[in-house]
Protein backbone atom coordinates (compact mmCIF):
# COMPACT_ATOMS: atom_id res chain seq x y z
CA UNK A 1 95.40 66.15 90.42
CA UNK A 2 98.42 65.47 92.80
CA UNK A 3 98.05 67.34 95.78
CA UNK A 4 101.92 66.15 96.46
CA UNK A 5 103.84 69.24 98.30
CA UNK A 6 105.68 71.12 95.89
CA UNK A 7 109.07 71.91 94.94
CA UNK A 8 110.28 75.22 95.94
CA UNK A 9 109.43 77.51 92.99
CA UNK A 10 111.95 80.23 92.07
CA UNK A 11 110.10 83.39 91.23
CA UNK A 12 111.74 85.85 89.30
CA UNK A 13 113.40 89.03 91.38
CA UNK A 14 110.32 91.46 90.10
CA UNK A 15 107.46 89.45 92.01
CA UNK A 16 109.23 89.48 95.26
CA UNK A 17 110.84 93.15 94.89
CA UNK A 18 108.11 94.31 97.44
CA UNK A 19 106.61 91.30 99.29
CA UNK A 20 108.66 91.68 102.43
CA UNK A 21 107.27 95.87 103.23
CA UNK A 22 104.14 94.42 105.19
CA UNK A 23 104.89 93.39 108.68
CA UNK A 24 105.85 89.89 109.86
CA UNK A 25 103.75 90.27 112.88
CA UNK A 26 100.77 87.99 113.60
CA UNK A 27 97.43 90.10 114.57
CA UNK A 28 95.07 88.19 115.84
CA UNK A 29 92.35 90.40 116.16
CA UNK A 30 89.27 88.81 114.86
CA UNK A 31 88.97 88.76 110.19
CA UNK A 32 86.51 91.93 108.79
CA UNK A 33 86.03 89.30 106.33
CA UNK A 34 85.16 85.43 106.45
CA UNK A 35 83.91 83.38 103.89
CA UNK A 36 82.98 79.64 104.96
CA UNK A 37 82.36 77.05 102.67
CA UNK A 38 80.93 79.13 99.74
CA UNK A 39 79.54 77.76 97.08
CA UNK A 40 78.31 79.88 94.02
CA UNK A 41 76.84 78.48 90.89
CA UNK A 42 75.47 80.22 87.02
CA UNK A 43 72.16 78.02 86.36
CA UNK A 44 73.82 74.48 86.51
CA UNK A 45 77.53 75.91 86.05
CA UNK A 46 79.17 76.18 89.56
CA UNK A 47 81.64 79.23 89.96
CA UNK A 48 83.09 78.55 93.09
CA UNK A 49 82.99 75.27 94.76
CA UNK A 50 83.19 75.26 98.62
CA UNK A 51 85.86 78.34 99.31
CA UNK A 52 87.02 79.13 102.89
CA UNK A 53 89.02 82.44 103.23
CA UNK A 54 89.61 84.75 105.84
CA UNK A 55 90.59 89.06 105.49
CA UNK A 56 92.68 90.31 108.58
CA UNK A 57 91.16 93.47 109.48
CA UNK A 58 93.61 96.65 107.56
CA UNK A 59 95.29 94.24 105.74
CA UNK A 60 94.82 93.31 102.01
CA UNK A 61 94.19 89.59 100.38
CA UNK A 62 94.90 89.46 96.75
CA UNK A 63 93.51 86.38 94.75
CA UNK A 64 95.28 84.79 91.89
CA UNK A 65 94.75 82.39 89.17
CA UNK A 66 93.96 81.76 85.32
CA UNK A 67 91.02 83.00 83.73
CA UNK A 68 88.12 81.52 84.80
CA UNK A 69 88.55 80.21 87.89
CA UNK A 70 85.63 82.04 89.79
CA UNK A 71 87.87 84.73 91.21
CA UNK A 72 85.34 87.40 90.24
CA UNK A 73 82.41 85.55 91.17
CA UNK A 74 83.82 85.18 94.69
CA UNK A 75 84.27 88.90 94.69
CA UNK A 76 80.61 89.71 93.99
CA UNK A 77 79.68 86.85 96.28
CA UNK A 78 81.29 89.03 99.18
CA UNK A 79 78.97 92.29 98.34
CA UNK A 80 76.20 90.39 96.94
CA UNK A 81 75.99 91.46 93.65
CA UNK A 82 76.40 87.50 92.33
CA UNK A 83 72.51 87.04 92.78
CA UNK A 84 71.67 89.65 91.12
CA UNK A 85 72.26 87.90 87.92
CA UNK A 86 69.53 85.26 86.48
CA UNK A 87 69.88 81.67 87.73
CA UNK A 88 72.53 83.15 89.89
CA UNK A 89 72.60 80.77 93.29
CA UNK A 90 74.99 81.07 96.95
CA UNK A 91 75.39 78.72 99.27
CA UNK A 92 77.97 79.56 102.40
CA UNK A 93 78.20 82.48 104.42
CA UNK A 94 79.99 85.60 104.30
CA UNK A 95 80.57 87.41 107.77
CA UNK A 96 80.86 91.37 108.10
CA UNK A 97 82.55 92.05 110.97
CA UNK A 98 80.93 88.93 112.21
CA UNK A 99 77.82 89.25 110.64
CA UNK A 100 76.18 86.81 108.12
CA UNK A 101 75.68 88.97 104.74
CA UNK A 102 73.16 86.19 103.73
CA UNK A 103 70.93 86.28 107.17
CA UNK A 104 67.43 87.02 106.26
CA UNK A 105 67.20 90.04 108.13
CA UNK A 106 70.26 91.92 106.18
CA UNK A 107 69.39 94.94 103.66
CA UNK A 108 71.89 93.76 100.54
CA UNK A 109 72.01 97.92 99.83
CA UNK A 110 73.19 98.10 103.30
CA UNK A 111 75.97 95.84 102.95
CA UNK A 112 77.04 96.99 99.63
CA UNK A 113 77.34 100.82 101.24
CA UNK A 114 80.16 99.12 104.17
CA UNK A 115 81.58 97.41 101.29
CA UNK A 116 83.60 99.70 98.67
CA UNK A 117 83.42 98.38 95.12
CA UNK A 118 85.94 99.16 92.30
CA UNK A 119 85.90 97.16 88.80
CA UNK A 120 88.45 96.17 86.01
CA UNK A 121 87.16 99.38 83.85
CA UNK A 122 86.54 102.67 85.34
CA UNK A 123 82.77 103.51 85.26
CA UNK A 124 82.84 107.18 86.61
CA UNK A 125 78.96 108.40 87.04
CA UNK A 126 77.28 109.58 84.34
CA UNK A 127 76.01 113.16 84.41
CA UNK A 128 77.49 113.68 87.76
CA UNK A 129 79.69 115.59 88.01
CA UNK A 130 83.70 115.22 89.72
CA UNK A 131 82.43 116.53 93.27
CA UNK A 132 79.12 114.28 92.46
CA UNK A 133 80.55 111.04 91.81
CA UNK A 134 83.14 111.36 94.35
CA UNK A 135 80.51 111.90 97.05
CA UNK A 136 77.72 109.68 95.65
CA UNK A 137 78.17 107.19 97.82
CA UNK A 138 78.41 108.91 101.02
CA UNK A 139 74.96 110.85 99.90
CA UNK A 140 73.23 107.79 99.73
CA UNK A 141 74.43 106.88 103.11
CA UNK A 142 74.26 109.77 105.19
CA UNK A 143 71.80 112.49 102.80
CA UNK A 144 71.97 114.96 105.77
CA UNK A 145 75.71 116.36 105.34
CA UNK A 146 75.28 119.88 104.85
CA UNK A 147 77.75 121.29 101.65
CA UNK A 148 81.04 122.17 103.68
CA UNK A 149 81.61 118.38 105.15
CA UNK A 150 80.69 117.17 101.67
CA UNK A 151 83.08 119.61 100.00
CA UNK A 152 85.93 118.69 103.04
CA UNK A 153 85.54 114.86 102.17
CA UNK A 154 86.24 115.51 98.52
CA UNK A 155 89.01 117.24 99.28
CA UNK A 156 90.60 114.60 101.71
CA UNK A 157 89.33 111.81 98.68
CA UNK A 158 90.79 112.83 96.28
CA UNK A 159 94.55 113.43 98.23
CA UNK A 160 94.13 110.11 99.48
CA UNK A 161 93.87 108.72 95.64
CA UNK A 162 96.47 111.26 94.69
CA UNK A 163 93.88 112.80 92.62
CA UNK A 164 93.30 116.71 94.20
CA UNK A 165 96.28 118.58 92.68
CA UNK A 166 94.91 117.27 88.93
CA UNK A 167 91.68 118.30 89.38
CA UNK A 168 91.27 120.84 92.59
CA UNK A 169 90.40 123.00 89.64
CA UNK A 170 88.20 121.00 87.05
CA UNK A 171 85.06 119.71 90.16
CA UNK A 172 82.38 120.50 87.87
CA UNK A 173 83.84 118.78 85.39
CA UNK A 174 82.63 115.73 83.67
CA UNK A 175 85.03 112.83 84.61
CA UNK A 176 84.62 112.22 80.83
CA UNK A 177 87.61 114.45 80.38
CA UNK A 178 89.80 112.71 82.50
CA UNK A 179 92.25 110.36 81.35
CA UNK A 180 91.15 106.40 82.21
CA UNK A 181 94.21 106.56 85.06
CA UNK A 182 92.38 109.22 86.23
CA UNK A 183 88.73 107.92 86.43
CA UNK A 184 89.78 104.61 88.01
CA UNK A 185 91.37 107.14 90.73
CA UNK A 186 88.07 108.44 90.83
CA UNK A 187 86.28 105.60 91.44
CA UNK A 188 88.61 104.52 93.94
CA UNK A 189 87.59 107.62 95.39
CA UNK A 190 83.95 107.34 95.56
CA UNK A 191 84.71 103.60 96.93
CA UNK A 192 86.59 105.01 99.78
CA UNK A 193 84.61 108.65 100.61
CA UNK A 194 81.58 106.75 103.09
CA UNK A 195 84.82 104.92 105.00
CA UNK A 196 84.25 101.17 104.00
CA UNK A 197 84.95 98.78 106.51
CA UNK A 198 85.78 96.88 103.40
CA UNK A 199 87.60 97.27 99.59
CA UNK A 200 86.89 94.88 96.89
CA UNK A 201 89.01 95.57 93.91
CA UNK A 202 88.44 93.57 90.65
CA UNK A 203 91.49 93.58 88.62
CA UNK A 204 91.29 97.72 89.41
CA UNK A 205 94.42 98.10 86.76
CA UNK A 206 93.29 95.52 84.05
CA UNK A 207 92.96 98.25 81.46
CA UNK A 208 95.25 100.94 83.10
CA UNK A 209 98.75 102.09 81.31
CA UNK A 210 101.98 101.13 83.49
CA UNK A 211 102.15 104.64 84.98
CA UNK A 212 98.16 104.41 86.20
CA UNK A 213 98.87 101.11 87.74
CA UNK A 214 101.42 102.13 89.87
CA UNK A 215 99.76 105.39 90.84
CA UNK A 216 96.82 102.39 91.83
CA UNK A 217 99.45 100.11 93.25
CA UNK A 218 100.96 102.54 95.73
CA UNK A 219 97.50 103.79 97.12
CA UNK A 220 96.27 100.23 97.60
CA UNK A 221 99.53 99.63 99.53
CA UNK A 222 99.24 103.09 101.70
CA UNK A 223 95.75 101.54 102.80
CA UNK A 224 97.13 98.99 104.67
CA UNK A 225 96.14 99.78 108.31
CA UNK A 226 92.77 101.83 107.56
CA UNK A 227 91.14 99.58 105.02
CA UNK A 228 90.91 96.21 104.52
CA UNK A 229 91.00 94.74 100.68
CA UNK A 230 91.26 91.95 98.94
CA UNK A 231 92.08 92.19 95.09
CA UNK A 232 91.46 89.80 92.26
CA UNK A 233 94.43 89.88 90.25
CA UNK A 234 96.42 88.24 86.92
CA UNK A 235 99.32 90.09 87.87
CA UNK A 236 101.91 88.37 90.22
CA UNK A 237 103.89 90.56 90.58
CA UNK A 238 101.26 93.37 91.78
CA UNK A 239 99.99 90.59 94.31
CA UNK A 240 103.73 90.70 95.21
CA UNK A 241 103.88 94.30 96.07
CA UNK A 242 100.47 95.16 97.18
CA UNK A 243 99.44 92.00 99.55
CA UNK A 244 100.20 90.44 102.73
CA UNK A 245 97.98 87.26 102.36
CA UNK A 246 97.99 85.65 98.73
CA UNK A 247 95.25 83.08 97.89
CA UNK A 248 95.20 80.98 95.05
CA UNK A 249 92.14 79.42 92.99
CA UNK A 250 91.60 76.89 90.28
CA UNK A 251 88.61 75.81 88.47
CA UNK A 252 86.57 77.56 91.65
CA UNK A 253 88.51 75.36 94.08
CA UNK A 254 90.57 77.75 96.36
CA UNK A 255 93.88 75.39 96.45
CA UNK A 256 95.96 77.86 98.87
CA UNK A 257 96.54 80.67 100.93
CA UNK A 258 98.54 81.89 102.48
CA UNK A 259 101.45 84.82 103.50
CA UNK A 260 102.50 86.61 100.03
CA UNK A 261 106.03 85.60 100.66
CA UNK A 262 105.33 82.10 101.53
CA UNK A 263 103.22 80.86 99.40
CA UNK A 264 105.42 82.47 95.91
CA UNK A 265 108.36 80.57 97.84
CA UNK A 266 107.47 78.07 98.84
CA UNK A 267 104.26 76.99 98.08
CA UNK A 268 102.39 73.82 100.01
CA UNK A 269 100.32 72.56 96.77
CA UNK A 270 101.82 71.42 93.66
CA UNK A 271 99.60 73.62 91.17
CA UNK A 272 100.42 76.14 92.56
CA UNK A 273 103.89 76.01 92.15
CA UNK A 274 102.72 74.89 88.57
CA UNK A 275 100.92 78.13 87.85
CA UNK A 276 102.95 80.56 89.65
CA UNK A 277 106.47 79.84 87.53
CA UNK A 278 104.79 79.72 84.67
CA UNK A 279 103.92 76.78 83.65
CA UNK A 280 99.92 76.82 83.16
CA UNK A 281 97.81 80.16 83.21
C-alpha cells in the first residue's frame, strides 16, 4: 500500500474539541513505557508486528485503529497477560521505567502490580464488597496495611474516580448492585489504589452510556501528570479529547504515532488519513 504523504485531513470539529488542552511543552524525561520491536502471535496468527512505541511519564497515549488490528494484543503484552494464552508468543522488548518486563528474573505478578489494567466490560470481583474491591490489589501488594490506612485509601481513591458520594453509605454492599458506569469507575478505583506507574485501559467505555462515558473520560484526562496512561479506543473523538499522543495501528503494524492534534490534522501516512476521515474502519 502507498506510503506517500497524506493530504491534510479535515476531522470534524467534535474530533478536535479538546485536543489542545494538554500542554505543548516537549518532555525530555525518560519514558515510563518503551516498547521496542515487539511482535506477538497466537499460534500461526501474528497479531502485533515489530511495534515500537514510547509513552511519556504522566501523559495519555491513545491507540486507535479498526477492529482486529492488534490494539488489545499490544496492551496485553505490556502487562504480560498475552503469554497466559495457549500457543501465544512474544519477541522484542517492553521496558517499564527502564527495566525489561520480559527479562528472565522478572516476576509477571510483580509487573502486574505496577501496571493497572481495566478491560472493556466492568469486572468487579465477585463475593467481595465495594470496599474490598477497591483495596484488593493494594492488599496483595502491601498485606500489612492496617484498617485505618485501608479505609483512607478507599475514600481517597473513590473520590478520585468520582464515586465516593454515590457509594459512601454502601461500602459493604455487593458491587453488582451498582450501575454499569459505577462498576467501571469502581474497577478504575481498584486499578488506581496501589498507585501504579502505568494504567492500561482497553476500550474502558465501550459498554457504557454517554454520561458514564463522559465521567470516565474526565477521570482519564485528570490523571495526566500523576499516572502514565495507555488507552485503546475505537472512538476517534475520545482519543482527541483525552490523549496527548495518538498512535494508529493497522494489520498489527504501528503506522504512525504523533501528538494528537498533529495526527488528526496532518497525518504523515495516507492510510492514517483514510482511517480518521472515515474511508475505512
